[in-house]
Amino acid sequence: MPRYIVDGFVFHVNITKGKPPMIYLRCLEYKRLGCHARAVIPSEGSIQDIKLNKPHNHPPDFAAEEKIIFMRELKEIMSQQPEQSPRAVYATLSKLYPNAARETPFDTIRHKLNRWRRQSE
């Protein structure tokens, strides 16, 4: 799912509609924190064209981008190299992304790592 990170806030695409086409975004924390922040961007626009429609009810997460990259790389490695130990892969990447690893402990994502590994077999 495409994500947009603006000033430490993460949005995901909710719907695309209209003429000219507009992309309507919703805060990633909608379900977890009940954040009703919304934004809109022209489909051919850049991140600078995002307009916030409703404010957030939580502080920004400045490690959000690092966490997204960390999780993406974990998934990629576990999918491409299923013979690798999930703990070893996590330990290696946690050195590259210490902030993300601090906020995403191994025990909380161990099941995801194993699922990604099984899906590649």
PDB file of N, CA and C in Angstrom:
ATOM      1  N   MET A   1       0.852  -1.173   0.000  1.00  0.00           N
ATOM      2  CA  MET A   1       0.000   0.000   0.000  1.00  0.00           C
ATOM      3  C   MET A   1       0.904   1.245   0.000  1.00  0.00           C
ATOM      4  N   PRO A   2       0.683   2.170  -0.920  1.00  0.00           N
ATOM      5  CA  PRO A   2       1.511   3.374  -0.951  1.00  0.00           C
ATOM      6  C   PRO A   2       1.346   4.183   0.326  1.00  0.00           C
ATOM      7  N   ARG A   3       2.453   4.721   0.796  1.00  0.00           N
ATOM      8  CA  ARG A   3       2.434   5.541   2.001  1.00  0.00           C
ATOM      9  C   ARG A   3       3.127   6.861   1.729  1.00  0.00           C
ATOM     10  N   TYR A   4       2.638   7.877   2.402  1.00  0.00           N
ATOM     11  CA  TYR A   4       3.221   9.211   2.323  1.00  0.00           C
ATOM     12  C   TYR A   4       3.590   9.621   3.732  1.00  0.00           C
ATOM     13  N   ILE A   5       4.800  10.132   3.916  1.00  0.00           N
ATOM     14  CA  ILE A   5       5.242  10.594   5.227  1.00  0.00           C
ATOM     15  C   ILE A   5       5.438  12.091   5.144  1.00  0.00           C
ATOM     16  N   VAL A   6       4.693  12.820   5.984  1.00  0.00           N
ATOM     17  CA  VAL A   6       4.734  14.281   5.978  1.00  0.00           C
ATOM     18  C   VAL A   6       4.961  14.761   7.405  1.00  0.00           C
ATOM     19  N   ASP A   7       6.101  15.375   7.654  1.00  0.00           N
ATOM     20  CA  ASP A   7       6.426  15.945   8.968  1.00  0.00           C
ATOM     21  C   ASP A   7       6.261  14.930  10.103  1.00  0.00           C
ATOM     22  N   GLY A   8       6.648  13.689   9.864  1.00  0.00           N
ATOM     23  CA  GLY A   8       6.576  12.662  10.894  1.00  0.00           C
ATOM     24  C   GLY A   8       5.235  11.957  10.996  1.00  0.00           C
ATOM     25  N   PHE A   9       4.285  12.309  10.146  1.00  0.00           N
ATOM     26  CA  PHE A   9       2.974  11.662  10.137  1.00  0.00           C
ATOM     27  C   PHE A   9       2.877  10.782   8.893  1.00  0.00           C
ATOM     28  N   VAL A  10       2.381   9.568   9.062  1.00  0.00           N
ATOM     29  CA  VAL A  10       2.284   8.611   7.955  1.00  0.00           C
ATOM     30  C   VAL A  10       0.826   8.535   7.494  1.00  0.00           C
ATOM     31  N   PHE A  11       0.645   8.688   6.186  1.00  0.00           N
ATOM     32  CA  PHE A  11      -0.675   8.567   5.567  1.00  0.00           C
ATOM     33  C   PHE A  11      -0.660   7.394   4.602  1.00  0.00           C
ATOM     34  N   HIS A  12      -1.807   6.768   4.425  1.00  0.00           N
ATOM     35  CA  HIS A  12      -1.939   5.757   3.370  1.00  0.00           C
ATOM     36  C   HIS A  12      -3.104   6.153   2.473  1.00  0.00           C
ATOM     37  N   VAL A  13      -3.104   5.613   1.259  1.00  0.00           N
ATOM     38  CA  VAL A  13      -4.135   5.945   0.277  1.00  0.00           C
ATOM     39  C   VAL A  13      -5.457   5.325   0.715  1.00  0.00           C
ATOM     40  N   ASN A  14      -6.470   6.153   0.833  1.00  0.00           N
ATOM     41  CA  ASN A  14      -7.799   5.682   1.190  1.00  0.00           C
ATOM     42  C   ASN A  14      -8.619   5.436  -0.077  1.00  0.00           C
ATOM     43  N   ILE A  15      -8.603   6.413  -1.002  1.00  0.00           N
ATOM     44  CA  ILE A  15      -9.369   6.297  -2.243  1.00  0.00           C
ATOM     45  C   ILE A  15      -8.826   7.296  -3.254  1.00  0.00           C
ATOM     46  N   THR A  16      -8.994   6.989  -4.532  1.00  0.00           N
ATOM     47  CA  THR A  16      -8.641   7.913  -5.614  1.00  0.00           C
ATOM     48  C   THR A  16      -9.895   8.120  -6.439  1.00  0.00           C
ATOM     49  N   LYS A  17     -10.289   9.389  -6.617  1.00  0.00           N
ATOM     50  CA  LYS A  17     -11.489   9.663  -7.412  1.00  0.00           C
ATOM     51  C   LYS A  17     -11.485  11.117  -7.859  1.00  0.00           C
ATOM     52  N   GLY A  18     -12.460  11.440  -8.729  1.00  0.00           N
ATOM     53  CA  GLY A  18     -12.657  12.807  -9.186  1.00  0.00           C
ATOM     54  C   GLY A  18     -12.046  13.092 -10.536  1.00  0.00           C
ATOM     55  N   LYS A  19     -12.377  14.250 -11.037  1.00  0.00           N
ATOM     56  CA  LYS A  19     -11.807  14.762 -12.291  1.00  0.00           C
ATOM     57  C   LYS A  19     -11.419  16.207 -12.052  1.00  0.00           C
ATOM     58  N   PRO A  20     -10.174  16.552 -12.046  1.00  0.00           N
ATOM     59  CA  PRO A  20      -9.002  15.682 -12.198  1.00  0.00           C
ATOM     60  C   PRO A  20      -8.868  14.740 -11.003  1.00  0.00           C
ATOM     61  N   PRO A  21      -8.243  13.572 -11.220  1.00  0.00           N
ATOM     62  CA  PRO A  21      -8.144  12.585 -10.149  1.00  0.00           C
ATOM     63  C   PRO A  21      -7.375  13.120  -8.931  1.00  0.00           C
ATOM     64  N   MET A  22      -7.953  12.880  -7.771  1.00  0.00           N
ATOM     65  CA  MET A  22      -7.329  13.269  -6.517  1.00  0.00           C
ATOM     66  C   MET A  22      -7.134  12.008  -5.674  1.00  0.00           C
ATOM     67  N   ILE A  23      -6.056  11.979  -4.910  1.00  0.00           N
ATOM     68  CA  ILE A  23      -5.779  10.869  -4.012  1.00  0.00           C
ATOM     69  C   ILE A  23      -6.137  11.343  -2.608  1.00  0.00           C
ATOM     70  N   TYR A  24      -7.048  10.634  -1.983  1.00  0.00           N
ATOM     71  CA  TYR A  24      -7.466  10.963  -0.624  1.00  0.00           C
ATOM     72  C   TYR A  24      -6.718  10.062   0.346  1.00  0.00           C
ATOM     73  N   LEU A  25      -6.084  10.678   1.324  1.00  0.00           N
ATOM     74  CA  LEU A  25      -5.225   9.964   2.262  1.00  0.00           C
ATOM     75  C   LEU A  25      -5.839   9.941   3.656  1.00  0.00           C
ATOM     76  N   ARG A  26      -5.507   8.900   4.413  1.00  0.00           N
ATOM     77  CA  ARG A  26      -5.956   8.787   5.793  1.00  0.00           C
ATOM     78  C   ARG A  26      -4.736   8.486   6.662  1.00  0.00           C
ATOM     79  N   CYS A  27      -4.742   8.988   7.885  1.00  0.00           N
ATOM     80  CA  CYS A  27      -3.644   8.751   8.816  1.00  0.00           C
ATOM     81  C   CYS A  27      -3.512   7.254   9.087  1.00  0.00           C
ATOM     82  N   LEU A  28      -2.293   6.794   9.139  1.00  0.00           N
ATOM     83  CA  LEU A  28      -2.025   5.389   9.410  1.00  0.00           C
ATOM     84  C   LEU A  28      -2.506   4.987  10.808  1.00  0.00           C
ATOM     85  N   GLU A  29      -2.625   5.942  11.708  1.00  0.00           N
ATOM     86  CA  GLU A  29      -3.046   5.671  13.086  1.00  0.00           C
ATOM     87  C   GLU A  29      -4.562   5.734  13.260  1.00  0.00           C
ATOM     88  N   TYR A  30      -5.300   5.652  12.165  1.00  0.00           N
ATOM     89  CA  TYR A  30      -6.759   5.732  12.219  1.00  0.00           C
ATOM     90  C   TYR A  30      -7.361   4.671  13.147  1.00  0.00           C
ATOM     91  N   LYS A  31      -6.956   3.426  12.965  1.00  0.00           N
ATOM     92  CA  LYS A  31      -7.533   2.354  13.777  1.00  0.00           C
ATOM     93  C   LYS A  31      -6.912   2.295  15.174  1.00  0.00           C
ATOM     94  N   ARG A  32      -5.607   2.391  15.241  1.00  0.00           N
ATOM     95  CA  ARG A  32      -4.921   2.211  16.528  1.00  0.00           C
ATOM     96  C   ARG A  32      -5.212   3.339  17.508  1.00  0.00           C
ATOM     97  N   LEU A  33      -5.179   4.588  17.028  1.00  0.00           N
ATOM     98  CA  LEU A  33      -5.357   5.740  17.909  1.00  0.00           C
ATOM     99  C   LEU A  33      -6.641   6.521  17.643  1.00  0.00           C
ATOM    100  N   GLY A  34      -7.394   6.104  16.631  1.00  0.00           N
ATOM    101  CA  GLY A  34      -8.620   6.827  16.306  1.00  0.00           C
ATOM    102  C   GLY A  34      -8.360   8.194  15.700  1.00  0.00           C
ATOM    103  N   CYS A  35      -7.230   8.350  15.018  1.00  0.00           N
ATOM    104  CA  CYS A  35      -6.881   9.639  14.409  1.00  0.00           C
ATOM    105  C   CYS A  35      -7.701   9.830  13.133  1.00  0.00           C
ATOM    106  N   HIS A  36      -8.391  10.951  13.048  1.00  0.00           N
ATOM    107  CA  HIS A  36      -9.233  11.235  11.885  1.00  0.00           C
ATOM    108  C   HIS A  36      -8.571  12.209  10.912  1.00  0.00           C
ATOM    109  N   ALA A  37      -7.248  12.351  11.003  1.00  0.00           N
ATOM    110  CA  ALA A  37      -6.542  13.246  10.086  1.00  0.00           C
ATOM    111  C   ALA A  37      -6.702  12.751   8.655  1.00  0.00           C
ATOM    112  N   ARG A  38      -6.951  13.689   7.759  1.00  0.00           N
ATOM    113  CA  ARG A  38      -7.125  13.395   6.334  1.00  0.00           C
ATOM    114  C   ARG A  38      -6.291  14.389   5.538  1.00  0.00           C
ATOM    115  N   ALA A  39      -5.933  13.964   4.338  1.00  0.00           N
ATOM    116  CA  ALA A  39      -5.202  14.839   3.435  1.00  0.00           C
ATOM    117  C   ALA A  39      -5.586  14.473   2.011  1.00  0.00           C
ATOM    118  N   VAL A  40      -5.252  15.364   1.084  1.00  0.00           N
ATOM    119  CA  VAL A  40      -5.552  15.135  -0.316  1.00  0.00           C
ATOM    120  C   VAL A  40      -4.349  15.599  -1.137  1.00  0.00           C
ATOM    121  N   ILE A  41      -4.127  14.893  -2.258  1.00  0.00           N
ATOM    122  CA  ILE A  41      -3.023  15.230  -3.150  1.00  0.00           C
ATOM    123  C   ILE A  41      -3.482  14.940  -4.585  1.00  0.00           C
ATOM    124  N   PRO A  42      -3.158  15.821  -5.547  1.00  0.00           N
ATOM    125  CA  PRO A  42      -3.485  15.497  -6.944  1.00  0.00           C
ATOM    126  C   PRO A  42      -2.750  14.225  -7.364  1.00  0.00           C
ATOM    127  N   SER A  43      -3.375  13.394  -8.191  1.00  0.00           N
ATOM    128  CA  SER A  43      -2.763  12.115  -8.558  1.00  0.00           C
ATOM    129  C   SER A  43      -1.424  12.288  -9.267  1.00  0.00           C
ATOM    130  N   GLU A  44      -1.221  13.391  -9.909  1.00  0.00           N
ATOM    131  CA  GLU A  44       0.060  13.653 -10.575  1.00  0.00           C
ATOM    132  C   GLU A  44       0.931  14.596  -9.739  1.00  0.00           C
ATOM    133  N   GLY A  45       0.517  14.866  -8.503  1.00  0.00           N
ATOM    134  CA  GLY A  45       1.231  15.819  -7.654  1.00  0.00           C
ATOM    135  C   GLY A  45       2.399  15.190  -6.916  1.00  0.00           C
ATOM    136  N   SER A  46       3.138  16.040  -6.228  1.00  0.00           N
ATOM    137  CA  SER A  46       4.274  15.590  -5.422  1.00  0.00           C
ATOM    138  C   SER A  46       3.922  15.742  -3.950  1.00  0.00           C
ATOM    139  N   ILE A  47       4.814  15.327  -3.100  1.00  0.00           N
ATOM    140  CA  ILE A  47       4.580  15.390  -1.660  1.00  0.00           C
ATOM    141  C   ILE A  47       4.362  16.832  -1.188  1.00  0.00           C
ATOM    142  N   GLN A  48       4.907  17.790  -1.921  1.00  0.00           N
ATOM    143  CA  GLN A  48       4.727  19.200  -1.564  1.00  0.00           C
ATOM    144  C   GLN A  48       3.297  19.675  -1.820  1.00  0.00           C
ATOM    145  N   ASP A  49       2.531  18.936  -2.610  1.00  0.00           N
ATOM    146  CA  ASP A  49       1.163  19.329  -2.952  1.00  0.00           C
ATOM    147  C   ASP A  49       0.116  18.804  -1.970  1.00  0.00           C
ATOM    148  N   ILE A  50       0.545  18.076  -0.940  1.00  0.00           N
ATOM    149  CA  ILE A  50      -0.405  17.519   0.026  1.00  0.00           C
ATOM    150  C   ILE A  50      -1.054  18.639   0.831  1.00  0.00           C
ATOM    151  N   LYS A  51      -2.370  18.566   0.944  1.00  0.00           N
ATOM    152  CA  LYS A  51      -3.148  19.524   1.742  1.00  0.00           C
ATOM    153  C   LYS A  51      -3.822  18.754   2.871  1.00  0.00           C
ATOM    154  N   LEU A  52      -3.554  19.157   4.106  1.00  0.00           N
ATOM    155  CA  LEU A  52      -4.148  18.517   5.274  1.00  0.00           C
ATOM    156  C   LEU A  52      -5.552  19.062   5.486  1.00  0.00           C
ATOM    157  N   ASN A  53      -6.552  18.174   5.578  1.00  0.00           N
ATOM    158  CA  ASN A  53      -7.944  18.576   5.770  1.00  0.00           C
ATOM    159  C   ASN A  53      -8.378  18.548   7.226  1.00  0.00           C
ATOM    160  N   LYS A  54      -7.855  17.576   7.986  1.00  0.00           N
ATOM    161  CA  LYS A  54      -8.179  17.454   9.399  1.00  0.00           C
ATOM    162  C   LYS A  54      -6.880  17.233  10.162  1.00  0.00           C
ATOM    163  N   PRO A  55      -6.753  17.794  11.361  1.00  0.00           N
ATOM    164  CA  PRO A  55      -5.505  17.643  12.121  1.00  0.00           C
ATOM    165  C   PRO A  55      -5.399  16.273  12.800  1.00  0.00           C
ATOM    166  N   HIS A  56      -4.192  15.947  13.221  1.00  0.00           N
ATOM    167  CA  HIS A  56      -3.911  14.699  13.928  1.00  0.00           C
ATOM    168  C   HIS A  56      -4.236  14.855  15.408  1.00  0.00           C
ATOM    169  N   ASN A  57      -4.497  13.748  16.072  1.00  0.00           N
ATOM    170  CA  ASN A  57      -4.751  13.765  17.509  1.00  0.00           C
ATOM    171  C   ASN A  57      -3.590  13.140  18.289  1.00  0.00           C
ATOM    172  N   HIS A  58      -2.420  13.049  17.649  1.00  0.00           N
ATOM    173  CA  HIS A  58      -1.249  12.415  18.261  1.00  0.00           C
ATOM    174  C   HIS A  58       0.002  13.136  17.779  1.00  0.00           C
ATOM    175  N   PRO A  59       1.111  12.995  18.506  1.00  0.00           N
ATOM    176  CA  PRO A  59       2.357  13.646  18.075  1.00  0.00           C
ATOM    177  C   PRO A  59       2.959  12.925  16.861  1.00  0.00           C
ATOM    178  N   PRO A  60       3.838  13.608  16.132  1.00  0.00           N
ATOM    179  CA  PRO A  60       4.491  12.964  14.979  1.00  0.00           C
ATOM    180  C   PRO A  60       5.448  11.866  15.431  1.00  0.00           C
ATOM    181  N   ASP A  61       5.697  10.937  14.545  1.00  0.00           N
ATOM    182  CA  ASP A  61       6.645   9.841  14.778  1.00  0.00           C
ATOM    183  C   ASP A  61       7.782  10.031  13.783  1.00  0.00           C
ATOM    184  N   PHE A  62       8.861  10.652  14.263  1.00  0.00           N
ATOM    185  CA  PHE A  62       9.957  10.983  13.352  1.00  0.00           C
ATOM    186  C   PHE A  62      10.792   9.761  12.958  1.00  0.00           C
ATOM    187  N   ALA A  63      10.553   8.626  13.576  1.00  0.00           N
ATOM    188  CA  ALA A  63      11.233   7.386  13.190  1.00  0.00           C
ATOM    189  C   ALA A  63      10.372   6.563  12.239  1.00  0.00           C
ATOM    190  N   ALA A  64       9.237   7.106  11.811  1.00  0.00           N
ATOM    191  CA  ALA A  64       8.292   6.350  10.979  1.00  0.00           C
ATOM    192  C   ALA A  64       8.927   5.857   9.681  1.00  0.00           C
ATOM    193  N   GLU A  65       9.638   6.718   9.013  1.00  0.00           N
ATOM    194  CA  GLU A  65      10.240   6.319   7.736  1.00  0.00           C
ATOM    195  C   GLU A  65      11.254   5.203   7.940  1.00  0.00           C
ATOM    196  N   GLU A  66      12.058   5.332   8.988  1.00  0.00           N
ATOM    197  CA  GLU A  66      13.050   4.299   9.271  1.00  0.00           C
ATOM    198  C   GLU A  66      12.362   2.968   9.587  1.00  0.00           C
ATOM    199  N   LYS A  67      11.252   2.998  10.325  1.00  0.00           N
ATOM    200  CA  LYS A  67      10.530   1.765  10.658  1.00  0.00           C
ATOM    201  C   LYS A  67       9.949   1.111   9.407  1.00  0.00           C
ATOM    202  N   ILE A  68       9.425   1.903   8.496  1.00  0.00           N
ATOM    203  CA  ILE A  68       8.865   1.359   7.258  1.00  0.00           C
ATOM    204  C   ILE A  68       9.957   0.692   6.428  1.00  0.00           C
ATOM    205  N   ILE A  69      11.094   1.342   6.312  1.00  0.00           N
ATOM    206  CA  ILE A  69      12.217   0.770   5.551  1.00  0.00           C
ATOM    207  C   ILE A  69      12.728  -0.498   6.233  1.00  0.00           C
ATOM    208  N   PHE A  70      12.854  -0.456   7.546  1.00  0.00           N
ATOM    209  CA  PHE A  70      13.306  -1.606   8.331  1.00  0.00           C
ATOM    210  C   PHE A  70      12.410  -2.817   8.087  1.00  0.00           C
ATOM    211  N   MET A  71      11.102  -2.622   8.183  1.00  0.00           N
ATOM    212  CA  MET A  71      10.160  -3.725   7.973  1.00  0.00           C
ATOM    213  C   MET A  71      10.188  -4.219   6.530  1.00  0.00           C
ATOM    214  N   ARG A  72      10.303  -3.307   5.575  1.00  0.00           N
ATOM    215  CA  ARG A  72      10.359  -3.692   4.166  1.00  0.00           C
ATOM    216  C   ARG A  72      11.595  -4.560   3.895  1.00  0.00           C
ATOM    217  N   GLU A  73      12.737  -4.162   4.465  1.00  0.00           N
ATOM    218  CA  GLU A  73      13.958  -4.939   4.248  1.00  0.00           C
ATOM    219  C   GLU A  73      13.909  -6.284   4.962  1.00  0.00           C
ATOM    220  N   LEU A  74      13.328  -6.323   6.164  1.00  0.00           N
ATOM    221  CA  LEU A  74      13.161  -7.608   6.842  1.00  0.00           C
ATOM    222  C   LEU A  74      12.338  -8.562   5.981  1.00  0.00           C
ATOM    223  N   LYS A  75      11.232  -8.070   5.452  1.00  0.00           N
ATOM    224  CA  LYS A  75      10.363  -8.905   4.626  1.00  0.00           C
ATOM    225  C   LYS A  75      11.085  -9.387   3.373  1.00  0.00           C
ATOM    226  N   GLU A  76      11.815  -8.493   2.749  1.00  0.00           N
ATOM    227  CA  GLU A  76      12.525  -8.849   1.516  1.00  0.00           C
ATOM    228  C   GLU A  76      13.559  -9.942   1.774  1.00  0.00           C
ATOM    229  N   ILE A  77      14.344  -9.789   2.820  1.00  0.00           N
ATOM    230  CA  ILE A  77      15.377 -10.782   3.113  1.00  0.00           C
ATOM    231  C   ILE A  77      14.754 -12.118   3.503  1.00  0.00           C
ATOM    232  N   MET A  78      13.734 -12.083   4.344  1.00  0.00           N
ATOM    233  CA  MET A  78      13.106 -13.340   4.761  1.00  0.00           C
ATOM    234  C   MET A  78      12.437 -14.047   3.583  1.00  0.00           C
ATOM    235  N   SER A  79      11.935 -13.294   2.630  1.00  0.00           N
ATOM    236  CA  SER A  79      11.306 -13.893   1.446  1.00  0.00           C
ATOM    237  C   SER A  79      12.329 -14.455   0.481  1.00  0.00           C
ATOM    238  N   GLN A  80      13.454 -13.763   0.331  1.00  0.00           N
ATOM    239  CA  GLN A  80      14.450 -14.176  -0.648  1.00  0.00           C
ATOM    240  C   GLN A  80      15.451 -15.189  -0.092  1.00  0.00           C
ATOM    241  N   GLN A  81      15.639 -15.175   1.225  1.00  0.00           N
ATOM    242  CA  GLN A  81      16.624 -16.072   1.845  1.00  0.00           C
ATOM    243  C   GLN A  81      15.986 -16.805   3.033  1.00  0.00           C
ATOM    244  N   PRO A  82      15.028 -17.677   2.768  1.00  0.00           N
ATOM    245  CA  PRO A  82      14.301 -18.331   3.856  1.00  0.00           C
ATOM    246  C   PRO A  82      15.177 -19.218   4.753  1.00  0.00           C
ATOM    247  N   GLU A  83      16.350 -19.570   4.276  1.00  0.00           N
ATOM    248  CA  GLU A  83      17.231 -20.407   5.096  1.00  0.00           C
ATOM    249  C   GLU A  83      17.883 -19.617   6.227  1.00  0.00           C
ATOM    250  N   GLN A  84      17.828 -18.296   6.149  1.00  0.00           N
ATOM    251  CA  GLN A  84      18.409 -17.436   7.186  1.00  0.00           C
ATOM    252  C   GLN A  84      17.582 -17.497   8.462  1.00  0.00           C
ATOM    253  N   SER A  85      18.246 -17.395   9.571  1.00  0.00           N
ATOM    254  CA  SER A  85      17.563 -17.348  10.865  1.00  0.00           C
ATOM    255  C   SER A  85      16.903 -15.979  11.031  1.00  0.00           C
ATOM    256  N   PRO A  86      15.613 -15.957  11.397  1.00  0.00           N
ATOM    257  CA  PRO A  86      14.946 -14.667  11.598  1.00  0.00           C
ATOM    258  C   PRO A  86      15.669 -13.783  12.620  1.00  0.00           C
ATOM    259  N   ARG A  87      16.163 -14.396  13.693  1.00  0.00           N
ATOM    260  CA  ARG A  87      16.855 -13.609  14.717  1.00  0.00           C
ATOM    261  C   ARG A  87      18.152 -13.004  14.170  1.00  0.00           C
ATOM    262  N   ALA A  88      18.859 -13.763  13.338  1.00  0.00           N
ATOM    263  CA  ALA A  88      20.109 -13.258  12.760  1.00  0.00           C
ATOM    264  C   ALA A  88      19.834 -12.112  11.783  1.00  0.00           C
ATOM    265  N   VAL A  89      18.801 -12.259  10.968  1.00  0.00           N
ATOM    266  CA  VAL A  89      18.436 -11.194  10.025  1.00  0.00           C
ATOM    267  C   VAL A  89      18.038  -9.941  10.792  1.00  0.00           C
ATOM    268  N   TYR A  90      17.225 -10.119  11.829  1.00  0.00           N
ATOM    269  CA  TYR A  90      16.791  -8.986  12.654  1.00  0.00           C
ATOM    270  C   TYR A  90      18.009  -8.295  13.284  1.00  0.00           C
ATOM    271  N   ALA A  91      18.921  -9.085  13.838  1.00  0.00           N
ATOM    272  CA  ALA A  91      20.105  -8.520  14.498  1.00  0.00           C
ATOM    273  C   ALA A  91      20.961  -7.721  13.512  1.00  0.00           C
ATOM    274  N   THR A  92      21.125  -8.230  12.316  1.00  0.00           N
ATOM    275  CA  THR A  92      21.923  -7.536  11.299  1.00  0.00           C
ATOM    276  C   THR A  92      21.277  -6.204  10.906  1.00  0.00           C
ATOM    277  N   LEU A  93      19.974  -6.249  10.620  1.00  0.00           N
ATOM    278  CA  LEU A  93      19.300  -5.016  10.200  1.00  0.00           C
ATOM    279  C   LEU A  93      19.110  -4.032  11.347  1.00  0.00           C
ATOM    280  N   SER A  94      19.037  -4.523  12.574  1.00  0.00           N
ATOM    281  CA  SER A  94      18.859  -3.605  13.704  1.00  0.00           C
ATOM    282  C   SER A  94      20.088  -2.724  13.907  1.00  0.00           C
ATOM    283  N   LYS A  95      21.235  -3.192  13.436  1.00  0.00           N
ATOM    284  CA  LYS A  95      22.446  -2.346  13.495  1.00  0.00           C
ATOM    285  C   LYS A  95      22.357  -1.203  12.488  1.00  0.00           C
ATOM    286  N   LEU A  96      21.700  -1.467  11.352  1.00  0.00           N
ATOM    287  CA  LEU A  96      21.538  -0.425  10.331  1.00  0.00           C
ATOM    288  C   LEU A  96      20.418   0.554  10.690  1.00  0.00           C
ATOM    289  N   TYR A  97      19.396   0.052  11.382  1.00  0.00           N
ATOM    290  CA  TYR A  97      18.219   0.863  11.730  1.00  0.00           C
ATOM    291  C   TYR A  97      17.955   0.779  13.232  1.00  0.00           C
ATOM    292  N   PRO A  98      18.833   1.360  14.052  1.00  0.00           N
ATOM    293  CA  PRO A  98      18.695   1.201  15.512  1.00  0.00           C
ATOM    294  C   PRO A  98      17.416   1.796  16.086  1.00  0.00           C
ATOM    295  N   ASN A  99      16.960   2.928  15.575  1.00  0.00           N
ATOM    296  CA  ASN A  99      15.734   3.539  16.103  1.00  0.00           C
ATOM    297  C   ASN A  99      14.518   2.664  15.822  1.00  0.00           C
ATOM    298  N   ALA A 100      14.459   2.121  14.622  1.00  0.00           N
ATOM    299  CA  ALA A 100      13.344   1.249  14.256  1.00  0.00           C
ATOM    300  C   ALA A 100      13.374  -0.031  15.082  1.00  0.00           C
ATOM    301  N   ALA A 101      14.550  -0.594  15.282  1.00  0.00           N
ATOM    302  CA  ALA A 101      14.671  -1.825  16.057  1.00  0.00           C
ATOM    303  C   ALA A 101      14.286  -1.584  17.517  1.00  0.00           C
ATOM    304  N   ARG A 102      14.626  -0.420  18.034  1.00  0.00           N
ATOM    305  CA  ARG A 102      14.275  -0.082  19.415  1.00  0.00           C
ATOM    306  C   ARG A 102      12.756  -0.035  19.600  1.00  0.00           C
ATOM    307  N   GLU A 103      12.067   0.464  18.592  1.00  0.00           N
ATOM    308  CA  GLU A 103      10.607   0.580  18.677  1.00  0.00           C
ATOM    309  C   GLU A 103       9.873  -0.655  18.163  1.00  0.00           C
ATOM    310  N   THR A 104      10.607  -1.577  17.554  1.00  0.00           N
ATOM    311  CA  THR A 104      10.007  -2.803  17.015  1.00  0.00           C
ATOM    312  C   THR A 104      10.825  -3.993  17.506  1.00  0.00           C
ATOM    313  N   PRO A 105      10.620  -4.424  18.740  1.00  0.00           N
ATOM    314  CA  PRO A 105      11.404  -5.537  19.280  1.00  0.00           C
ATOM    315  C   PRO A 105      11.177  -6.838  18.514  1.00  0.00           C
ATOM    316  N   PHE A 106      12.182  -7.688  18.529  1.00  0.00           N
ATOM    317  CA  PHE A 106      12.126  -8.956  17.809  1.00  0.00           C
ATOM    318  C   PHE A 106      10.910  -9.785  18.210  1.00  0.00           C
ATOM    319  N   ASP A 107      10.642  -9.874  19.508  1.00  0.00           N
ATOM    320  CA  ASP A 107       9.544 -10.725  19.968  1.00  0.00           C
ATOM    321  C   ASP A 107       8.180 -10.281  19.442  1.00  0.00           C
ATOM    322  N   THR A 108       8.022  -9.004  19.117  1.00  0.00           N
ATOM    323  CA  THR A 108       6.723  -8.542  18.606  1.00  0.00           C
ATOM    324  C   THR A 108       6.532  -8.847  17.121  1.00  0.00           C
ATOM    325  N   ILE A 109       7.614  -9.075  16.394  1.00  0.00           N
ATOM    326  CA  ILE A 109       7.481  -9.341  14.946  1.00  0.00           C
ATOM    327  C   ILE A 109       7.991 -10.723  14.542  1.00  0.00           C
ATOM    328  N   ARG A 110       8.377 -11.535  15.513  1.00  0.00           N
ATOM    329  CA  ARG A 110       8.896 -12.880  15.233  1.00  0.00           C
ATOM    330  C   ARG A 110       7.932 -13.677  14.360  1.00  0.00           C
ATOM    331  N   HIS A 111       6.635 -13.588  14.654  1.00  0.00           N
ATOM    332  CA  HIS A 111       5.647 -14.343  13.888  1.00  0.00           C
ATOM    333  C   HIS A 111       5.566 -13.858  12.443  1.00  0.00           C
ATOM    334  N   LYS A 112       5.681 -12.549  12.234  1.00  0.00           N
ATOM    335  CA  LYS A 112       5.684 -12.016  10.860  1.00  0.00           C
ATOM    336  C   LYS A 112       6.878 -12.539  10.085  1.00  0.00           C
ATOM    337  N   LEU A 113       8.040 -12.505  10.719  1.00  0.00           N
ATOM    338  CA  LEU A 113       9.259 -12.970  10.049  1.00  0.00           C
ATOM    339  C   LEU A 113       9.113 -14.436   9.617  1.00  0.00           C
ATOM    340  N   ASN A 114       8.585 -15.256  10.508  1.00  0.00           N
ATOM    341  CA  ASN A 114       8.389 -16.673  10.166  1.00  0.00           C
ATOM    342  C   ASN A 114       7.347 -16.855   9.074  1.00  0.00           C
ATOM    343  N   ARG A 115       6.291 -16.048   9.092  1.00  0.00           N
ATOM    344  CA  ARG A 115       5.265 -16.140   8.046  1.00  0.00           C
ATOM    345  C   ARG A 115       5.863 -15.761   6.681  1.00  0.00           C
ATOM    346  N   TRP A 116       6.635 -14.672   6.645  1.00  0.00           N
ATOM    347  CA  TRP A 116       7.265 -14.258   5.377  1.00  0.00           C
ATOM    348  C   TRP A 116       8.199 -15.361   4.878  1.00  0.00           C
ATOM    349  N   ARG A 117       8.894 -15.997   5.786  1.00  0.00           N
ATOM    350  CA  ARG A 117       9.814 -17.067   5.406  1.00  0.00           C
ATOM    351  C   ARG A 117       9.029 -18.247   4.834  1.00  0.00           C
ATOM    352  N   ARG A 118       7.944 -18.654   5.482  1.00  0.00           N
ATOM    353  CA  ARG A 118       7.126 -19.788   5.000  1.00  0.00           C
ATOM    354  C   ARG A 118       6.489 -19.490   3.639  1.00  0.00           C
ATOM    355  N   GLN A 119       6.072 -18.258   3.419  1.00  0.00           N
ATOM    356  CA  GLN A 119       5.415 -17.906   2.159  1.00  0.00           C
ATOM    357  C   GLN A 119       6.350 -18.030   0.970  1.00  0.00           C
ATOM    358  N   SER A 120       7.634 -17.916   1.208  1.00  0.00           N
ATOM    359  CA  SER A 120       8.580 -17.968   0.086  1.00  0.00           C
ATOM    360  C   SER A 120       8.958 -19.396  -0.291  1.00  0.00           C
ATOM    361  N   GLU A 121       8.660 -20.338   0.574  1.00  0.00           N
ATOM    362  CA  GLU A 121       9.061 -21.741   0.300  1.00  0.00           C
ATOM    363  C   GLU A 121       8.175 -22.400  -0.711  1.00  0.00           C
TER     364      GLU A 121
END
